[in-house]
Amino acid sequence: IDSGRYYTGSWYDLPIYAAITVLVWIAAPAARLEPQRASER
């Protein structure tokens, strides 16, 4: 962006889209996560 080579929809966006996709992929089945069990101590 600072050098003027960026434009929306270019290859620069694909890794960002991939990171967002990973977030959805791991968060969708994670609603059942609960704190780990621990002793009273």
PDB file of all heavy atoms in Angstrom:
ATOM      1  N   ILE A   1       0.835  -1.205   0.000  1.00  0.00           N
ATOM      2  CA  ILE A   1       0.000   0.000   0.000  1.00  0.00           C
ATOM      3  C   ILE A   1       0.865   1.249   0.000  1.00  0.00           C
ATOM      4  O   ILE A   1       0.623   2.203  -0.755  1.00  0.00           O
ATOM      5  CB  ILE A   1      -0.944  -0.012   1.214  1.00  0.00           C
ATOM      6  CG1 ILE A   1      -1.998  -1.112   1.055  1.00  0.00           C
ATOM      7  CG2 ILE A   1      -1.629   1.346   1.383  1.00  0.00           C
ATOM      8  CD1 ILE A   1      -2.887  -1.278   2.266  1.00  0.00           C
ATOM      9  N   ASP A   2       1.907   1.272   0.836  1.00  0.00           N
ATOM     10  CA  ASP A   2       2.778   2.445   0.910  1.00  0.00           C
ATOM     11  C   ASP A   2       3.544   2.678  -0.392  1.00  0.00           C
ATOM     12  O   ASP A   2       3.838   3.820  -0.744  1.00  0.00           O
ATOM     13  CB  ASP A   2       3.757   2.284   2.072  1.00  0.00           C
ATOM     14  CG  ASP A   2       3.055   2.289   3.422  1.00  0.00           C
ATOM     15  OD1 ASP A   2       1.943   2.850   3.500  1.00  0.00           O
ATOM     16  OD2 ASP A   2       3.609   1.737   4.386  1.00  0.00           O
ATOM     17  N   SER A   3       3.849   1.590  -1.112  1.00  0.00           N
ATOM     18  CA  SER A   3       4.597   1.727  -2.363  1.00  0.00           C
ATOM     19  C   SER A   3       3.689   1.898  -3.575  1.00  0.00           C
ATOM     20  O   SER A   3       4.183   2.054  -4.698  1.00  0.00           O
ATOM     21  CB  SER A   3       5.502   0.506  -2.564  1.00  0.00           C
ATOM     22  OG  SER A   3       4.724  -0.683  -2.652  1.00  0.00           O
ATOM     23  N   GLY A   4       2.370   1.820  -3.372  1.00  0.00           N
ATOM     24  CA  GLY A   4       1.438   2.003  -4.473  1.00  0.00           C
ATOM     25  C   GLY A   4       1.215   0.777  -5.328  1.00  0.00           C
ATOM     26  O   GLY A   4       0.613   0.867  -6.406  1.00  0.00           O
ATOM     27  N   ARG A   5       1.651  -0.405  -4.895  1.00  0.00           N
ATOM     28  CA  ARG A   5       1.501  -1.630  -5.682  1.00  0.00           C
ATOM     29  C   ARG A   5       0.250  -2.424  -5.318  1.00  0.00           C
ATOM     30  O   ARG A   5      -0.084  -3.396  -5.985  1.00  0.00           O
ATOM     31  CB  ARG A   5       2.734  -2.523  -5.502  1.00  0.00           C
ATOM     32  CG  ARG A   5       4.005  -1.936  -6.108  1.00  0.00           C
ATOM     33  CD  ARG A   5       5.215  -2.832  -5.903  1.00  0.00           C
ATOM     34  NE  ARG A   5       5.666  -2.801  -4.516  1.00  0.00           N
ATOM     35  CZ  ARG A   5       5.541  -3.792  -3.655  1.00  0.00           C
ATOM     36  NH1 ARG A   5       4.948  -4.917  -4.026  1.00  0.00           N
ATOM     37  NH2 ARG A   5       6.002  -3.690  -2.429  1.00  0.00           N
ATOM     38  N   TYR A   6      -0.447  -2.023  -4.285  1.00  0.00           N
ATOM     39  CA  TYR A   6      -1.596  -2.793  -3.818  1.00  0.00           C
ATOM     40  C   TYR A   6      -2.875  -2.342  -4.519  1.00  0.00           C
ATOM     41  O   TYR A   6      -3.061  -1.156  -4.787  1.00  0.00           O
ATOM     42  CB  TYR A   6      -1.758  -2.627  -2.307  1.00  0.00           C
ATOM     43  CG  TYR A   6      -3.026  -3.238  -1.758  1.00  0.00           C
ATOM     44  CD1 TYR A   6      -3.077  -4.586  -1.424  1.00  0.00           C
ATOM     45  CD2 TYR A   6      -4.182  -2.470  -1.598  1.00  0.00           C
ATOM     46  CE1 TYR A   6      -4.251  -5.143  -0.938  1.00  0.00           C
ATOM     47  CE2 TYR A   6      -5.352  -3.023  -1.108  1.00  0.00           C
ATOM     48  CZ  TYR A   6      -5.378  -4.360  -0.784  1.00  0.00           C
ATOM     49  OH  TYR A   6      -6.534  -4.916  -0.307  1.00  0.00           O
ATOM     50  N   TYR A   7      -3.743  -3.280  -4.802  1.00  0.00           N
ATOM     51  CA  TYR A   7      -5.115  -2.983  -5.217  1.00  0.00           C
ATOM     52  C   TYR A   7      -6.010  -4.107  -4.700  1.00  0.00           C
ATOM     53  O   TYR A   7      -5.580  -5.257  -4.542  1.00  0.00           O
ATOM     54  CB  TYR A   7      -5.232  -2.841  -6.740  1.00  0.00           C
ATOM     55  CG  TYR A   7      -4.838  -4.062  -7.540  1.00  0.00           C
ATOM     56  CD1 TYR A   7      -5.779  -5.045  -7.874  1.00  0.00           C
ATOM     57  CD2 TYR A   7      -3.529  -4.248  -7.960  1.00  0.00           C
ATOM     58  CE1 TYR A   7      -5.424  -6.156  -8.611  1.00  0.00           C
ATOM     59  CE2 TYR A   7      -3.159  -5.362  -8.695  1.00  0.00           C
ATOM     60  CZ  TYR A   7      -4.110  -6.312  -9.010  1.00  0.00           C
ATOM     61  OH  TYR A   7      -3.752  -7.424  -9.735  1.00  0.00           O
ATOM     62  N   THR A   8      -7.253  -3.774  -4.416  1.00  0.00           N
ATOM     63  CA  THR A   8      -8.182  -4.723  -3.831  1.00  0.00           C
ATOM     64  C   THR A   8      -8.447  -5.884  -4.788  1.00  0.00           C
ATOM     65  O   THR A   8      -8.676  -5.677  -5.976  1.00  0.00           O
ATOM     66  CB  THR A   8      -9.503  -4.029  -3.485  1.00  0.00           C
ATOM     67  OG1 THR A   8      -9.241  -2.954  -2.590  1.00  0.00           O
ATOM     68  CG2 THR A   8     -10.465  -5.000  -2.829  1.00  0.00           C
ATOM     69  N   GLY A   9      -8.418  -7.099  -4.248  1.00  0.00           N
ATOM     70  CA  GLY A   9      -8.619  -8.296  -5.050  1.00  0.00           C
ATOM     71  C   GLY A   9      -7.335  -8.888  -5.581  1.00  0.00           C
ATOM     72  O   GLY A   9      -7.375  -9.921  -6.275  1.00  0.00           O
ATOM     73  N   SER A  10      -6.199  -8.282  -5.265  1.00  0.00           N
ATOM     74  CA  SER A  10      -4.913  -8.789  -5.740  1.00  0.00           C
ATOM     75  C   SER A  10      -4.456  -9.958  -4.877  1.00  0.00           C
ATOM     76  O   SER A  10      -5.105 -10.353  -3.911  1.00  0.00           O
ATOM     77  CB  SER A  10      -3.873  -7.665  -5.719  1.00  0.00           C
ATOM     78  OG  SER A  10      -3.662  -7.215  -4.392  1.00  0.00           O
ATOM     79  N   TRP A  11      -3.283 -10.492  -5.224  1.00  0.00           N
ATOM     80  CA  TRP A  11      -2.730 -11.624  -4.480  1.00  0.00           C
ATOM     81  C   TRP A  11      -2.401 -11.254  -3.041  1.00  0.00           C
ATOM     82  O   TRP A  11      -2.311 -12.142  -2.181  1.00  0.00           O
ATOM     83  CB  TRP A  11      -1.475 -12.150  -5.187  1.00  0.00           C
ATOM     84  CG  TRP A  11      -1.760 -12.847  -6.479  1.00  0.00           C
ATOM     85  CD1 TRP A  11      -1.606 -12.341  -7.733  1.00  0.00           C
ATOM     86  CD2 TRP A  11      -2.269 -14.170  -6.630  1.00  0.00           C
ATOM     87  NE1 TRP A  11      -1.987 -13.271  -8.672  1.00  0.00           N
ATOM     88  CE2 TRP A  11      -2.388 -14.411  -8.020  1.00  0.00           C
ATOM     89  CE3 TRP A  11      -2.634 -15.179  -5.753  1.00  0.00           C
ATOM     90  CZ2 TRP A  11      -2.856 -15.619  -8.533  1.00  0.00           C
ATOM     91  CZ3 TRP A  11      -3.102 -16.386  -6.267  1.00  0.00           C
ATOM     92  CH2 TRP A  11      -3.211 -16.593  -7.628  1.00  0.00           C
ATOM     93  N   TYR A  12      -2.246  -9.967  -2.759  1.00  0.00           N
ATOM     94  CA  TYR A  12      -1.954  -9.558  -1.385  1.00  0.00           C
ATOM     95  C   TYR A  12      -3.115  -9.877  -0.437  1.00  0.00           C
ATOM     96  O   TYR A  12      -2.892 -10.047   0.772  1.00  0.00           O
ATOM     97  CB  TYR A  12      -1.658  -8.056  -1.338  1.00  0.00           C
ATOM     98  CG  TYR A  12      -0.416  -7.650  -2.090  1.00  0.00           C
ATOM     99  CD1 TYR A  12      -0.505  -6.986  -3.315  1.00  0.00           C
ATOM    100  CD2 TYR A  12       0.855  -7.917  -1.579  1.00  0.00           C
ATOM    101  CE1 TYR A  12       0.632  -6.606  -4.012  1.00  0.00           C
ATOM    102  CE2 TYR A  12       1.993  -7.545  -2.270  1.00  0.00           C
ATOM    103  CZ  TYR A  12       1.876  -6.896  -3.486  1.00  0.00           C
ATOM    104  OH  TYR A  12       3.012  -6.523  -4.169  1.00  0.00           O
ATOM    105  N   ASP A  13      -4.325  -9.946  -0.961  1.00  0.00           N
ATOM    106  CA  ASP A  13      -5.489 -10.184  -0.110  1.00  0.00           C
ATOM    107  C   ASP A  13      -5.697 -11.656   0.226  1.00  0.00           C
ATOM    108  O   ASP A  13      -6.334 -11.975   1.235  1.00  0.00           O
ATOM    109  CB  ASP A  13      -6.760  -9.648  -0.782  1.00  0.00           C
ATOM    110  CG  ASP A  13      -6.820  -8.136  -0.778  1.00  0.00           C
ATOM    111  OD1 ASP A  13      -6.188  -7.527   0.107  1.00  0.00           O
ATOM    112  OD2 ASP A  13      -7.492  -7.561  -1.658  1.00  0.00           O
ATOM    113  N   LEU A  14      -5.212 -12.548  -0.607  1.00  0.00           N
ATOM    114  CA  LEU A  14      -5.533 -13.967  -0.434  1.00  0.00           C
ATOM    115  C   LEU A  14      -5.035 -14.548   0.894  1.00  0.00           C
ATOM    116  O   LEU A  14      -5.778 -15.296   1.547  1.00  0.00           O
ATOM    117  CB  LEU A  14      -4.990 -14.768  -1.616  1.00  0.00           C
ATOM    118  CG  LEU A  14      -5.610 -14.436  -2.975  1.00  0.00           C
ATOM    119  CD1 LEU A  14      -5.054 -15.342  -4.060  1.00  0.00           C
ATOM    120  CD2 LEU A  14      -7.127 -14.549  -2.922  1.00  0.00           C
ATOM    121  N   PRO A  15      -3.800 -14.262   1.327  1.00  0.00           N
ATOM    122  CA  PRO A  15      -3.405 -14.791   2.651  1.00  0.00           C
ATOM    123  C   PRO A  15      -4.257 -14.242   3.789  1.00  0.00           C
ATOM    124  O   PRO A  15      -4.512 -14.952   4.773  1.00  0.00           O
ATOM    125  CB  PRO A  15      -1.945 -14.347   2.784  1.00  0.00           C
ATOM    126  CG  PRO A  15      -1.478 -14.112   1.392  1.00  0.00           C
ATOM    127  CD  PRO A  15      -2.667 -13.599   0.662  1.00  0.00           C
ATOM    128  N   ILE A  16      -4.711 -12.993   3.669  1.00  0.00           N
ATOM    129  CA  ILE A  16      -5.599 -12.430   4.699  1.00  0.00           C
ATOM    130  C   ILE A  16      -6.928 -13.158   4.692  1.00  0.00           C
ATOM    131  O   ILE A  16      -7.468 -13.512   5.759  1.00  0.00           O
ATOM    132  CB  ILE A  16      -5.784 -10.921   4.472  1.00  0.00           C
ATOM    133  CG1 ILE A  16      -4.436 -10.196   4.580  1.00  0.00           C
ATOM    134  CG2 ILE A  16      -6.782 -10.350   5.467  1.00  0.00           C
ATOM    135  CD1 ILE A  16      -4.515  -8.711   4.321  1.00  0.00           C
ATOM    136  N   TYR A  17      -7.481 -13.420   3.495  1.00  0.00           N
ATOM    137  CA  TYR A  17      -8.719 -14.195   3.404  1.00  0.00           C
ATOM    138  C   TYR A  17      -8.519 -15.593   3.991  1.00  0.00           C
ATOM    139  O   TYR A  17      -9.421 -16.126   4.656  1.00  0.00           O
ATOM    140  CB  TYR A  17      -9.167 -14.312   1.948  1.00  0.00           C
ATOM    141  CG  TYR A  17      -9.533 -13.012   1.282  1.00  0.00           C
ATOM    142  CD1 TYR A  17      -9.664 -12.926  -0.096  1.00  0.00           C
ATOM    143  CD2 TYR A  17      -9.748 -11.857   2.022  1.00  0.00           C
ATOM    144  CE1 TYR A  17     -10.004 -11.733  -0.733  1.00  0.00           C
ATOM    145  CE2 TYR A  17     -10.082 -10.666   1.402  1.00  0.00           C
ATOM    146  CZ  TYR A  17     -10.204 -10.608   0.027  1.00  0.00           C
ATOM    147  OH  TYR A  17     -10.525  -9.431  -0.579  1.00  0.00           O
ATOM    148  N   ALA A  18      -7.353 -16.183   3.745  1.00  0.00           N
ATOM    149  CA  ALA A  18      -7.074 -17.521   4.271  1.00  0.00           C
ATOM    150  C   ALA A  18      -7.031 -17.510   5.799  1.00  0.00           C
ATOM    151  O   ALA A  18      -7.549 -18.429   6.454  1.00  0.00           O
ATOM    152  CB  ALA A  18      -5.752 -18.042   3.705  1.00  0.00           C
ATOM    153  N   ALA A  19      -6.438 -16.466   6.386  1.00  0.00           N
ATOM    154  CA  ALA A  19      -6.384 -16.374   7.850  1.00  0.00           C
ATOM    155  C   ALA A  19      -7.786 -16.244   8.438  1.00  0.00           C
ATOM    156  O   ALA A  19      -8.108 -16.875   9.458  1.00  0.00           O
ATOM    157  CB  ALA A  19      -5.521 -15.186   8.259  1.00  0.00           C
ATOM    158  N   ILE A  20      -8.646 -15.441   7.803  1.00  0.00           N
ATOM    159  CA  ILE A  20     -10.024 -15.296   8.283  1.00  0.00           C
ATOM    160  C   ILE A  20     -10.774 -16.623   8.160  1.00  0.00           C
ATOM    161  O   ILE A  20     -11.542 -17.011   9.053  1.00  0.00           O
ATOM    162  CB  ILE A  20     -10.748 -14.185   7.506  1.00  0.00           C
ATOM    163  CG1 ILE A  20     -10.015 -12.849   7.657  1.00  0.00           C
ATOM    164  CG2 ILE A  20     -12.182 -14.045   7.973  1.00  0.00           C
ATOM    165  CD1 ILE A  20     -10.570 -11.736   6.791  1.00  0.00           C
ATOM    166  N   THR A  21     -10.535 -17.342   7.061  1.00  0.00           N
ATOM    167  CA  THR A  21     -11.183 -18.645   6.873  1.00  0.00           C
ATOM    168  C   THR A  21     -10.768 -19.625   7.957  1.00  0.00           C
ATOM    169  O   THR A  21     -11.604 -20.394   8.465  1.00  0.00           O
ATOM    170  CB  THR A  21     -10.828 -19.202   5.486  1.00  0.00           C
ATOM    171  OG1 THR A  21     -11.229 -18.279   4.477  1.00  0.00           O
ATOM    172  CG2 THR A  21     -11.502 -20.536   5.249  1.00  0.00           C
ATOM    173  N   VAL A  22      -9.504 -19.603   8.335  1.00  0.00           N
ATOM    174  CA  VAL A  22      -9.030 -20.480   9.416  1.00  0.00           C
ATOM    175  C   VAL A  22      -9.744 -20.147  10.720  1.00  0.00           C
ATOM    176  O   VAL A  22     -10.117 -21.044  11.492  1.00  0.00           O
ATOM    177  CB  VAL A  22      -7.505 -20.369   9.569  1.00  0.00           C
ATOM    178  CG1 VAL A  22      -7.027 -21.123  10.813  1.00  0.00           C
ATOM    179  CG2 VAL A  22      -6.806 -20.916   8.334  1.00  0.00           C
ATOM    180  N   LEU A  23      -9.934 -18.856  10.995  1.00  0.00           N
ATOM    181  CA  LEU A  23     -10.634 -18.455  12.223  1.00  0.00           C
ATOM    182  C   LEU A  23     -12.047 -19.034  12.258  1.00  0.00           C
ATOM    183  O   LEU A  23     -12.493 -19.546  13.297  1.00  0.00           O
ATOM    184  CB  LEU A  23     -10.676 -16.931  12.329  1.00  0.00           C
ATOM    185  CG  LEU A  23      -9.341 -16.214  12.554  1.00  0.00           C
ATOM    186  CD1 LEU A  23      -9.562 -14.709  12.649  1.00  0.00           C
ATOM    187  CD2 LEU A  23      -8.652 -16.720  13.807  1.00  0.00           C
ATOM    188  N   VAL A  24     -12.765 -18.944  11.137  1.00  0.00           N
ATOM    189  CA  VAL A  24     -14.115 -19.513  11.096  1.00  0.00           C
ATOM    190  C   VAL A  24     -14.061 -21.029  11.214  1.00  0.00           C
ATOM    191  O   VAL A  24     -14.866 -21.654  11.916  1.00  0.00           O
ATOM    192  CB  VAL A  24     -14.828 -19.093   9.797  1.00  0.00           C
ATOM    193  CG1 VAL A  24     -16.199 -19.749   9.694  1.00  0.00           C
ATOM    194  CG2 VAL A  24     -14.960 -17.578   9.731  1.00  0.00           C
ATOM    195  N   TRP A  25     -13.100 -21.653  10.563  1.00  0.00           N
ATOM    196  CA  TRP A  25     -12.988 -23.113  10.544  1.00  0.00           C
ATOM    197  C   TRP A  25     -12.755 -23.674  11.955  1.00  0.00           C
ATOM    198  O   TRP A  25     -13.299 -24.720  12.304  1.00  0.00           O
ATOM    199  CB  TRP A  25     -11.857 -23.523   9.613  1.00  0.00           C
ATOM    200  CG  TRP A  25     -11.757 -25.005   9.411  1.00  0.00           C
ATOM    201  CD1 TRP A  25     -10.970 -25.885  10.093  1.00  0.00           C
ATOM    202  CD2 TRP A  25     -12.486 -25.775   8.452  1.00  0.00           C
ATOM    203  NE1 TRP A  25     -11.161 -27.153   9.621  1.00  0.00           N
ATOM    204  CE2 TRP A  25     -12.089 -27.122   8.616  1.00  0.00           C
ATOM    205  CE3 TRP A  25     -13.436 -25.459   7.477  1.00  0.00           C
ATOM    206  CZ2 TRP A  25     -12.606 -28.150   7.836  1.00  0.00           C
ATOM    207  CZ3 TRP A  25     -13.946 -26.496   6.709  1.00  0.00           C
ATOM    208  CH2 TRP A  25     -13.526 -27.813   6.884  1.00  0.00           C
ATOM    209  N   ILE A  26     -11.956 -22.980  12.755  1.00  0.00           N
ATOM    210  CA  ILE A  26     -11.673 -23.492  14.099  1.00  0.00           C
ATOM    211  C   ILE A  26     -12.689 -23.016  15.127  1.00  0.00           C
ATOM    212  O   ILE A  26     -12.866 -23.650  16.172  1.00  0.00           O
ATOM    213  CB  ILE A  26     -10.253 -23.091  14.556  1.00  0.00           C
ATOM    214  CG1 ILE A  26     -10.135 -21.576  14.710  1.00  0.00           C
ATOM    215  CG2 ILE A  26      -9.216 -23.624  13.586  1.00  0.00           C
ATOM    216  CD1 ILE A  26      -8.786 -21.108  15.210  1.00  0.00           C
ATOM    217  N   ALA A  27     -13.370 -21.883  14.861  1.00  0.00           N
ATOM    218  CA  ALA A  27     -14.301 -21.343  15.851  1.00  0.00           C
ATOM    219  C   ALA A  27     -15.673 -21.996  15.764  1.00  0.00           C
ATOM    220  O   ALA A  27     -16.381 -22.093  16.773  1.00  0.00           O
ATOM    221  CB  ALA A  27     -14.442 -19.832  15.680  1.00  0.00           C
ATOM    222  N   ALA A  28     -16.078 -22.446  14.582  1.00  0.00           N
ATOM    223  CA  ALA A  28     -17.416 -23.011  14.421  1.00  0.00           C
ATOM    224  C   ALA A  28     -17.663 -24.205  15.338  1.00  0.00           C
ATOM    225  O   ALA A  28     -18.715 -24.280  15.984  1.00  0.00           O
ATOM    226  CB  ALA A  28     -17.646 -23.387  12.954  1.00  0.00           C
ATOM    227  N   PRO A  29     -16.732 -25.159  15.467  1.00  0.00           N
ATOM    228  CA  PRO A  29     -16.986 -26.281  16.385  1.00  0.00           C
ATOM    229  C   PRO A  29     -16.487 -26.042  17.808  1.00  0.00           C
ATOM    230  O   PRO A  29     -16.485 -26.971  18.614  1.00  0.00           O
ATOM    231  CB  PRO A  29     -16.202 -27.431  15.737  1.00  0.00           C
ATOM    232  CG  PRO A  29     -15.034 -26.758  15.107  1.00  0.00           C
ATOM    233  CD  PRO A  29     -15.520 -25.409  14.651  1.00  0.00           C
ATOM    234  N   ALA A  30     -16.043 -24.835  18.128  1.00  0.00           N
ATOM    235  CA  ALA A  30     -15.427 -24.574  19.434  1.00  0.00           C
ATOM    236  C   ALA A  30     -16.411 -24.044  20.463  1.00  0.00           C
ATOM    237  O   ALA A  30     -15.994 -23.642  21.555  1.00  0.00           O
ATOM    238  CB  ALA A  30     -14.274 -23.567  19.276  1.00  0.00           C
ATOM    239  N   ALA A  31     -17.691 -24.039  20.159  1.00  0.00           N
ATOM    240  CA  ALA A  31     -18.676 -23.522  21.125  1.00  0.00           C
ATOM    241  C   ALA A  31     -18.772 -24.395  22.371  1.00  0.00           C
ATOM    242  O   ALA A  31     -19.244 -23.940  23.416  1.00  0.00           O
ATOM    243  CB  ALA A  31     -20.043 -23.418  20.456  1.00  0.00           C
ATOM    244  N   ARG A  32     -18.310 -25.651  22.276  1.00  0.00           N
ATOM    245  CA  ARG A  32     -18.405 -26.569  23.417  1.00  0.00           C
ATOM    246  C   ARG A  32     -17.201 -26.481  24.341  1.00  0.00           C
ATOM    247  O   ARG A  32     -17.115 -27.248  25.304  1.00  0.00           O
ATOM    248  CB  ARG A  32     -18.558 -28.006  22.913  1.00  0.00           C
ATOM    249  CG  ARG A  32     -19.823 -28.227  22.090  1.00  0.00           C
ATOM    250  CD  ARG A  32     -19.950 -29.682  21.666  1.00  0.00           C
ATOM    251  NE  ARG A  32     -18.848 -30.091  20.802  1.00  0.00           N
ATOM    252  CZ  ARG A  32     -18.851 -29.966  19.478  1.00  0.00           C
ATOM    253  NH1 ARG A  32     -19.905 -29.413  18.874  1.00  0.00           N
ATOM    254  NH2 ARG A  32     -17.841 -30.362  18.754  1.00  0.00           N
ATOM    255  N   LEU A  33     -16.270 -25.594  24.064  1.00  0.00           N
ATOM    256  CA  LEU A  33     -15.088 -25.482  24.924  1.00  0.00           C
ATOM    257  C   LEU A  33     -15.480 -24.985  26.311  1.00  0.00           C
ATOM    258  O   LEU A  33     -16.251 -24.033  26.451  1.00  0.00           O
ATOM    259  CB  LEU A  33     -14.066 -24.520  24.303  1.00  0.00           C
ATOM    260  CG  LEU A  33     -13.326 -25.024  23.054  1.00  0.00           C
ATOM    261  CD1 LEU A  33     -12.429 -23.935  22.499  1.00  0.00           C
ATOM    262  CD2 LEU A  33     -12.505 -26.270  23.375  1.00  0.00           C
ATOM    263  N   GLU A  34     -14.938 -25.619  27.321  1.00  0.00           N
ATOM    264  CA  GLU A  34     -15.192 -25.250  28.708  1.00  0.00           C
ATOM    265  C   GLU A  34     -13.867 -25.206  29.449  1.00  0.00           C
ATOM    266  O   GLU A  34     -12.880 -25.801  29.001  1.00  0.00           O
ATOM    267  CB  GLU A  34     -16.139 -26.260  29.377  1.00  0.00           C
ATOM    268  CG  GLU A  34     -17.528 -26.314  28.754  1.00  0.00           C
ATOM    269  CD  GLU A  34     -18.412 -27.332  29.435  1.00  0.00           C
ATOM    270  OE1 GLU A  34     -17.897 -28.054  30.329  1.00  0.00           O
ATOM    271  OE2 GLU A  34     -19.598 -27.406  29.080  1.00  0.00           O
ATOM    272  N   PRO A  35     -13.814 -24.501  30.590  1.00  0.00           N
ATOM    273  CA  PRO A  35     -12.571 -24.485  31.380  1.00  0.00           C
ATOM    274  C   PRO A  35     -12.142 -25.898  31.767  1.00  0.00           C
ATOM    275  O   PRO A  35     -12.971 -26.789  31.978  1.00  0.00           O
ATOM    276  CB  PRO A  35     -12.944 -23.655  32.617  1.00  0.00           C
ATOM    277  CG  PRO A  35     -14.080 -22.806  32.159  1.00  0.00           C
ATOM    278  CD  PRO A  35     -14.846 -23.630  31.162  1.00  0.00           C
ATOM    279  N   GLN A  36     -10.842 -26.106  31.819  1.00  0.00           N
ATOM    280  CA  GLN A  36     -10.317 -27.413  32.174  1.00  0.00           C
ATOM    281  C   GLN A  36     -10.697 -27.770  33.610  1.00  0.00           C
ATOM    282  O   GLN A  36     -10.799 -26.901  34.469  1.00  0.00           O
ATOM    283  CB  GLN A  36      -8.785 -27.418  32.023  1.00  0.00           C
ATOM    284  CG  GLN A  36      -8.323 -27.082  30.621  1.00  0.00           C
ATOM    285  CD  GLN A  36      -6.829 -26.837  30.544  1.00  0.00           C
ATOM    286  OE1 GLN A  36      -6.132 -26.946  31.537  1.00  0.00           O
ATOM    287  NE2 GLN A  36      -6.343 -26.493  29.368  1.00  0.00           N
ATOM    288  N   ARG A  37     -10.913 -29.048  33.840  1.00  0.00           N
ATOM    289  CA  ARG A  37     -11.239 -29.498  35.177  1.00  0.00           C
ATOM    290  C   ARG A  37     -10.026 -29.373  36.088  1.00  0.00           C
ATOM    291  O   ARG A  37      -8.896 -29.577  35.676  1.00  0.00           O
ATOM    292  CB  ARG A  37     -11.717 -30.947  35.151  1.00  0.00           C
ATOM    293  CG  ARG A  37     -13.048 -31.137  34.411  1.00  0.00           C
ATOM    294  CD  ARG A  37     -13.500 -32.566  34.486  1.00  0.00           C
ATOM    295  NE  ARG A  37     -14.795 -32.748  33.819  1.00  0.00           N
ATOM    296  CZ  ARG A  37     -15.420 -33.916  33.745  1.00  0.00           C
ATOM    297  NH1 ARG A  37     -14.882 -34.997  34.301  1.00  0.00           N
ATOM    298  NH2 ARG A  37     -16.591 -33.990  33.125  1.00  0.00           N
ATOM    299  N   ALA A  38     -10.291 -29.068  37.340  1.00  0.00           N
ATOM    300  CA  ALA A  38      -9.201 -28.886  38.294  1.00  0.00           C
ATOM    301  C   ALA A  38      -9.666 -29.348  39.665  1.00  0.00           C
ATOM    302  O   ALA A  38     -10.861 -29.461  39.947  1.00  0.00           O
ATOM    303  CB  ALA A  38      -8.758 -27.424  38.356  1.00  0.00           C
ATOM    304  N   SER A  39      -8.694 -29.612  40.508  1.00  0.00           N
ATOM    305  CA  SER A  39      -8.995 -30.026  41.866  1.00  0.00           C
ATOM    306  C   SER A  39      -9.424 -28.819  42.691  1.00  0.00           C
ATOM    307  O   SER A  39      -9.274 -27.666  42.292  1.00  0.00           O
ATOM    308  CB  SER A  39      -7.760 -30.677  42.501  1.00  0.00           C
ATOM    309  OG  SER A  39      -6.701 -29.743  42.563  1.00  0.00           O
ATOM    310  N   GLU A  40      -9.966 -29.107  43.870  1.00  0.00           N
ATOM    311  CA  GLU A  40     -10.402 -28.034  44.765  1.00  0.00           C
ATOM    312  C   GLU A  40      -9.220 -27.175  45.191  1.00  0.00           C
ATOM    313  O   GLU A  40      -9.347 -25.955  45.374  1.00  0.00           O
ATOM    314  CB  GLU A  40     -11.081 -28.642  45.989  1.00  0.00           C
ATOM    315  CG  GLU A  40     -11.714 -27.622  46.913  1.00  0.00           C
ATOM    316  CD  GLU A  40     -12.879 -26.903  46.275  1.00  0.00           C
ATOM    317  OE1 GLU A  40     -13.488 -27.468  45.335  1.00  0.00           O
ATOM    318  OE2 GLU A  40     -13.194 -25.773  46.688  1.00  0.00           O
ATOM    319  N   ARG A  41      -8.063 -27.776  45.304  1.00  0.00           N
ATOM    320  CA  ARG A  41      -6.871 -27.021  45.692  1.00  0.00           C
ATOM    321  C   ARG A  41      -6.495 -26.006  44.628  1.00  0.00           C
ATOM    322  O   ARG A  41      -6.119 -24.875  44.925  1.00  0.00           O
ATOM    323  CB  ARG A  41      -5.713 -27.982  45.936  1.00  0.00           C
ATOM    324  CG  ARG A  41      -4.417 -27.303  46.345  1.00  0.00           C
ATOM    325  CD  ARG A  41      -3.337 -28.324  46.585  1.00  0.00           C
ATOM    326  NE  ARG A  41      -2.080 -27.679  46.956  1.00  0.00           N
ATOM    327  CZ  ARG A  41      -0.939 -28.337  47.191  1.00  0.00           C
ATOM    328  NH1 ARG A  41      -0.922 -29.671  47.100  1.00  0.00           N
ATOM    329  NH2 ARG A  41       0.150 -27.674  47.519  1.00  0.00           N
TER     330      ARG A  41
END
